[in-house]
Amino acid sequence: MTMIEIILLLVGCVFMIGSFFISEKLSSSELNKIAELSEDELKRLLNVK
């Protein structure tokens, strides 16, 4: 593997681990709002096709 691939893998692992800590610090209302926004984005993507 090249150095760029190794760096990208490490960055991906850091973001993946960090996402667990972020979800623990958010309140349930904030998580619900994020879920609603995600659902809206999925609906937009499905309607475009």
N, C-alpha and C. Protein backbone atom coordinates (compact mmCIF):
# COMPACT_ATOMS: atom_id res chain seq x y z
N MET A 1 0.83 -1.18 0.00
CA MET A 1 0.00 0.00 0.00
C MET A 1 0.88 1.25 0.00
N THR A 2 0.36 2.22 -0.66
CA THR A 2 1.09 3.48 -0.67
C THR A 2 0.81 4.24 0.62
N MET A 3 1.57 5.25 0.84
CA MET A 3 1.42 6.06 2.05
C MET A 3 0.05 6.73 2.10
N ILE A 4 -0.46 7.17 0.94
CA ILE A 4 -1.77 7.83 0.90
C ILE A 4 -2.87 6.86 1.33
N GLU A 5 -2.82 5.61 0.87
CA GLU A 5 -3.82 4.63 1.25
C GLU A 5 -3.79 4.37 2.75
N ILE A 6 -2.61 4.28 3.31
CA ILE A 6 -2.48 4.04 4.75
C ILE A 6 -3.06 5.21 5.54
N ILE A 7 -2.75 6.43 5.10
CA ILE A 7 -3.26 7.62 5.79
C ILE A 7 -4.78 7.66 5.70
N LEU A 8 -5.35 7.36 4.53
CA LEU A 8 -6.80 7.38 4.38
C LEU A 8 -7.48 6.33 5.25
N LEU A 9 -6.87 5.16 5.37
CA LEU A 9 -7.42 4.13 6.25
C LEU A 9 -7.40 4.58 7.71
N LEU A 10 -6.31 5.19 8.13
CA LEU A 10 -6.22 5.67 9.50
C LEU A 10 -7.24 6.77 9.78
N VAL A 11 -7.39 7.70 8.83
CA VAL A 11 -8.37 8.78 8.99
C VAL A 11 -9.78 8.20 9.07
N GLY A 12 -10.07 7.22 8.24
CA GLY A 12 -11.39 6.58 8.27
C GLY A 12 -11.67 5.91 9.60
N CYS A 13 -10.67 5.25 10.15
CA CYS A 13 -10.84 4.61 11.46
C CYS A 13 -11.07 5.64 12.56
N VAL A 14 -10.36 6.75 12.50
CA VAL A 14 -10.54 7.81 13.49
C VAL A 14 -11.95 8.37 13.41
N PHE A 15 -12.44 8.63 12.20
CA PHE A 15 -13.80 9.16 12.06
C PHE A 15 -14.84 8.15 12.54
N MET A 16 -14.62 6.87 12.25
CA MET A 16 -15.57 5.85 12.66
C MET A 16 -15.64 5.77 14.19
N ILE A 17 -14.50 5.77 14.84
CA ILE A 17 -14.47 5.72 16.30
C ILE A 17 -15.04 7.01 16.88
N GLY A 18 -14.71 8.14 16.28
CA GLY A 18 -15.21 9.43 16.76
C GLY A 18 -16.71 9.56 16.66
N SER A 19 -17.31 8.92 15.67
CA SER A 19 -18.76 9.02 15.50
C SER A 19 -19.51 8.41 16.69
N PHE A 20 -18.94 7.40 17.33
CA PHE A 20 -19.58 6.82 18.50
C PHE A 20 -19.59 7.80 19.67
N PHE A 21 -18.51 8.54 19.85
CA PHE A 21 -18.44 9.50 20.94
C PHE A 21 -19.37 10.69 20.69
N ILE A 22 -19.50 11.10 19.44
CA ILE A 22 -20.38 12.23 19.11
C ILE A 22 -21.84 11.85 19.37
N SER A 23 -22.23 10.63 19.00
CA SER A 23 -23.62 10.23 19.20
C SER A 23 -23.97 10.13 20.67
N GLU A 24 -23.00 9.84 21.53
CA GLU A 24 -23.27 9.77 22.96
C GLU A 24 -23.47 11.16 23.56
N LYS A 25 -22.83 12.18 23.00
CA LYS A 25 -22.92 13.53 23.56
C LYS A 25 -24.15 14.28 23.07
N LEU A 26 -24.76 13.85 21.97
CA LEU A 26 -25.94 14.53 21.46
C LEU A 26 -27.17 14.10 22.24
N SER A 27 -28.10 15.02 22.41
CA SER A 27 -29.34 14.68 23.09
C SER A 27 -30.26 13.91 22.14
N SER A 28 -31.29 13.32 22.69
CA SER A 28 -32.20 12.53 21.86
C SER A 28 -32.93 13.39 20.84
N SER A 29 -33.25 14.63 21.21
CA SER A 29 -33.95 15.51 20.26
C SER A 29 -33.03 15.87 19.09
N GLU A 30 -31.75 16.07 19.37
CA GLU A 30 -30.81 16.37 18.29
C GLU A 30 -30.64 15.16 17.38
N LEU A 31 -30.58 13.96 17.95
CA LEU A 31 -30.46 12.75 17.13
C LEU A 31 -31.71 12.55 16.28
N ASN A 32 -32.88 12.86 16.82
CA ASN A 32 -34.12 12.75 16.04
C ASN A 32 -34.12 13.73 14.88
N LYS A 33 -33.63 14.94 15.11
CA LYS A 33 -33.56 15.95 14.05
C LYS A 33 -32.63 15.49 12.94
N ILE A 34 -31.49 14.91 13.31
CA ILE A 34 -30.54 14.40 12.31
C ILE A 34 -31.18 13.26 11.52
N ALA A 35 -31.92 12.39 12.20
CA ALA A 35 -32.59 11.29 11.51
C ALA A 35 -33.64 11.80 10.54
N GLU A 36 -34.39 12.85 10.94
CA GLU A 36 -35.39 13.43 10.04
C GLU A 36 -34.73 14.03 8.81
N LEU A 37 -33.62 14.72 9.01
CA LEU A 37 -32.91 15.31 7.88
C LEU A 37 -32.40 14.22 6.95
N SER A 38 -31.91 13.13 7.52
CA SER A 38 -31.42 12.02 6.70
C SER A 38 -32.56 11.41 5.89
N GLU A 39 -33.73 11.28 6.51
CA GLU A 39 -34.88 10.73 5.78
C GLU A 39 -35.28 11.65 4.63
N ASP A 40 -35.25 12.95 4.88
CA ASP A 40 -35.58 13.91 3.82
C ASP A 40 -34.61 13.80 2.66
N GLU A 41 -33.33 13.65 2.96
CA GLU A 41 -32.33 13.52 1.90
C GLU A 41 -32.55 12.24 1.10
N LEU A 42 -32.88 11.15 1.77
CA LEU A 42 -33.15 9.90 1.07
C LEU A 42 -34.36 10.04 0.15
N LYS A 43 -35.41 10.72 0.62
CA LYS A 43 -36.60 10.92 -0.20
C LYS A 43 -36.26 11.76 -1.43
N ARG A 44 -35.43 12.78 -1.25
CA ARG A 44 -35.03 13.61 -2.38
C ARG A 44 -34.25 12.80 -3.41
N LEU A 45 -33.35 11.95 -2.93
CA LEU A 45 -32.57 11.13 -3.85
C LEU A 45 -33.46 10.16 -4.62
N LEU A 46 -34.44 9.58 -3.93
CA LEU A 46 -35.33 8.62 -4.59
C LEU A 46 -36.25 9.32 -5.58
N ASN A 47 -36.66 10.54 -5.31
CA ASN A 47 -37.54 11.28 -6.21
C ASN A 47 -36.81 11.79 -7.44
N VAL A 48 -35.52 12.00 -7.36
CA VAL A 48 -34.75 12.52 -8.49
C VAL A 48 -34.66 11.47 -9.59
N LYS A 49 -34.55 10.21 -9.20
CA LYS A 49 -34.35 9.15 -10.21
C LYS A 49 -35.59 8.83 -10.95
